Amino acid sequence: MRPTGTATTAPAPITGLPPDLQAAIAGVRAAIRHQIDIGQLDPYAGAALLRKVNQVARELSERDWTAAFSTGAQMWEMLDTYRKDGRLTSTGYQAIVATLEKVHDVLTNR
């Protein structure tokens, strides 16, 4: 059973970002929520990841690229930890990583 309120963390506003970057971030959020909904990701772990996505979005909207990349690296570490300790399945991991790679691609191709 999913704890009330953990997977519905309100997204940080994404203002002033190009549409492709907004879409990539929205894709990460959607992937995390979907993995929670289908039982591939522990809801508490998912809520923590959503908070990190919101933080990245805020840092990008503030044009703090260094902080955004640092927070993104923290997300990768969290995903690895969650997968290793069984809070995230391999299938869920692959789905979320694919969306994170899209964000990275958008940022590095600017």
Protein backbone atom coordinates (compact mmCIF):
# COMPACT_ATOMS: atom_id res chain seq x y z
CA MET A 1 0.00 0.00 0.00
CA ARG A 2 1.30 3.45 -0.92
CA PRO A 3 1.63 5.91 1.96
CA THR A 4 -0.59 8.93 1.57
CA GLY A 5 1.10 11.92 -0.01
CA THR A 6 4.55 10.53 -0.73
CA ALA A 7 4.23 10.06 -4.48
CA THR A 8 2.34 13.26 -5.05
CA THR A 9 5.13 15.65 -4.11
CA ALA A 10 4.24 18.91 -5.83
CA PRO A 11 6.57 19.66 -8.71
CA ALA A 12 8.77 22.69 -8.51
CA PRO A 13 7.77 25.33 -11.01
CA ILE A 14 9.85 25.21 -14.15
CA THR A 15 10.00 28.74 -15.46
CA GLY A 16 12.21 30.12 -18.15
CA LEU A 17 13.47 26.77 -19.38
CA PRO A 18 13.37 25.63 -22.99
CA PRO A 19 10.45 23.33 -23.83
CA ASP A 20 12.70 20.35 -24.52
CA LEU A 21 14.25 20.59 -21.06
CA GLN A 22 10.85 21.05 -19.43
CA ALA A 23 9.61 17.95 -21.24
CA ALA A 24 12.66 15.93 -20.21
CA ILE A 25 12.19 16.82 -16.54
CA ALA A 26 8.48 16.06 -16.75
CA GLY A 27 9.44 12.69 -18.22
CA VAL A 28 11.58 11.85 -15.19
CA ARG A 29 8.76 12.78 -12.83
CA ALA A 30 6.29 10.67 -14.80
CA ALA A 31 8.65 7.69 -14.89
CA ILE A 32 9.16 7.80 -11.13
CA ARG A 33 5.43 8.05 -10.45
CA HIS A 34 4.70 5.23 -12.87
CA GLN A 35 7.28 2.94 -11.26
CA ILE A 36 5.70 3.62 -7.86
CA ASP A 37 2.21 2.95 -9.24
CA ILE A 38 3.16 -0.41 -10.75
CA GLY A 39 5.10 -1.54 -7.69
CA GLN A 40 8.60 -1.37 -9.13
CA LEU A 41 9.71 1.43 -6.76
CA ASP A 42 9.15 1.77 -3.04
CA PRO A 43 6.88 4.80 -2.43
CA TYR A 44 9.21 6.35 0.16
CA ALA A 45 12.19 6.00 -2.17
CA GLY A 46 10.06 7.42 -4.99
CA ALA A 47 9.13 10.44 -2.88
CA ALA A 48 12.80 11.09 -2.18
CA LEU A 49 13.58 10.89 -5.89
CA LEU A 50 10.74 13.26 -6.73
CA ARG A 51 12.12 15.77 -4.24
CA LYS A 52 15.49 15.55 -6.02
CA VAL A 53 13.84 16.07 -9.41
CA ASN A 54 12.10 19.14 -8.02
CA GLN A 55 15.42 20.39 -6.70
CA VAL A 56 17.08 19.91 -10.10
CA ALA A 57 14.22 21.76 -11.79
CA ARG A 58 14.56 24.65 -9.35
CA GLU A 59 18.34 24.79 -9.79
CA LEU A 60 18.01 24.77 -13.57
CA SER A 61 15.39 27.52 -13.49
CA GLU A 62 17.83 29.55 -11.39
CA ARG A 63 20.57 28.78 -13.94
CA ASP A 64 22.69 27.10 -11.26
CA TRP A 65 24.12 24.46 -13.57
CA THR A 66 26.76 23.25 -11.11
CA ALA A 67 24.17 22.58 -8.40
CA ALA A 68 21.82 20.92 -10.91
CA PHE A 69 24.53 18.53 -12.10
CA SER A 70 25.51 17.79 -8.49
CA THR A 71 21.91 17.04 -7.53
CA GLY A 72 21.57 14.89 -10.65
CA ALA A 73 24.63 12.90 -9.58
CA GLN A 74 23.00 12.39 -6.18
CA MET A 75 19.96 10.97 -7.96
CA TRP A 76 22.12 8.43 -9.79
CA GLU A 77 23.62 7.37 -6.46
CA MET A 78 20.16 7.08 -4.90
CA LEU A 79 18.95 4.94 -7.81
CA ASP A 80 21.94 2.62 -7.44
CA THR A 81 21.37 2.33 -3.70
CA TYR A 82 17.64 1.67 -4.10
CA ARG A 83 18.29 -0.99 -6.70
CA LYS A 84 20.91 -2.71 -4.55
CA ASP A 85 18.76 -2.73 -1.42
CA GLY A 86 15.64 -3.95 -3.21
CA ARG A 87 13.55 -0.78 -3.10
CA LEU A 88 13.76 -0.49 -6.89
CA THR A 89 13.60 -3.34 -9.37
CA SER A 90 15.99 -3.62 -12.28
CA THR A 91 13.11 -2.93 -14.66
CA GLY A 92 12.15 0.20 -12.74
CA TYR A 93 15.77 1.29 -12.61
CA GLN A 94 16.14 1.01 -16.37
CA ALA A 95 12.95 2.99 -16.98
CA ILE A 96 13.96 5.87 -14.73
CA VAL A 97 17.56 5.92 -15.96
CA ALA A 98 16.33 6.23 -19.56
CA THR A 99 14.49 9.43 -18.65
CA LEU A 100 17.45 10.82 -16.71
CA GLU A 101 19.64 10.21 -19.73
CA LYS A 102 17.24 12.34 -21.81
CA VAL A 103 17.68 15.24 -19.37
CA HIS A 104 21.44 14.82 -19.56
CA ASP A 105 21.33 14.72 -23.38
CA VAL A 106 19.26 17.90 -23.54
CA LEU A 107 21.64 19.70 -21.18
CA THR A 108 24.83 18.59 -22.87
CA ASN A 109 23.59 19.31 -26.39
CA ARG A 110 22.99 23.00 -25.67
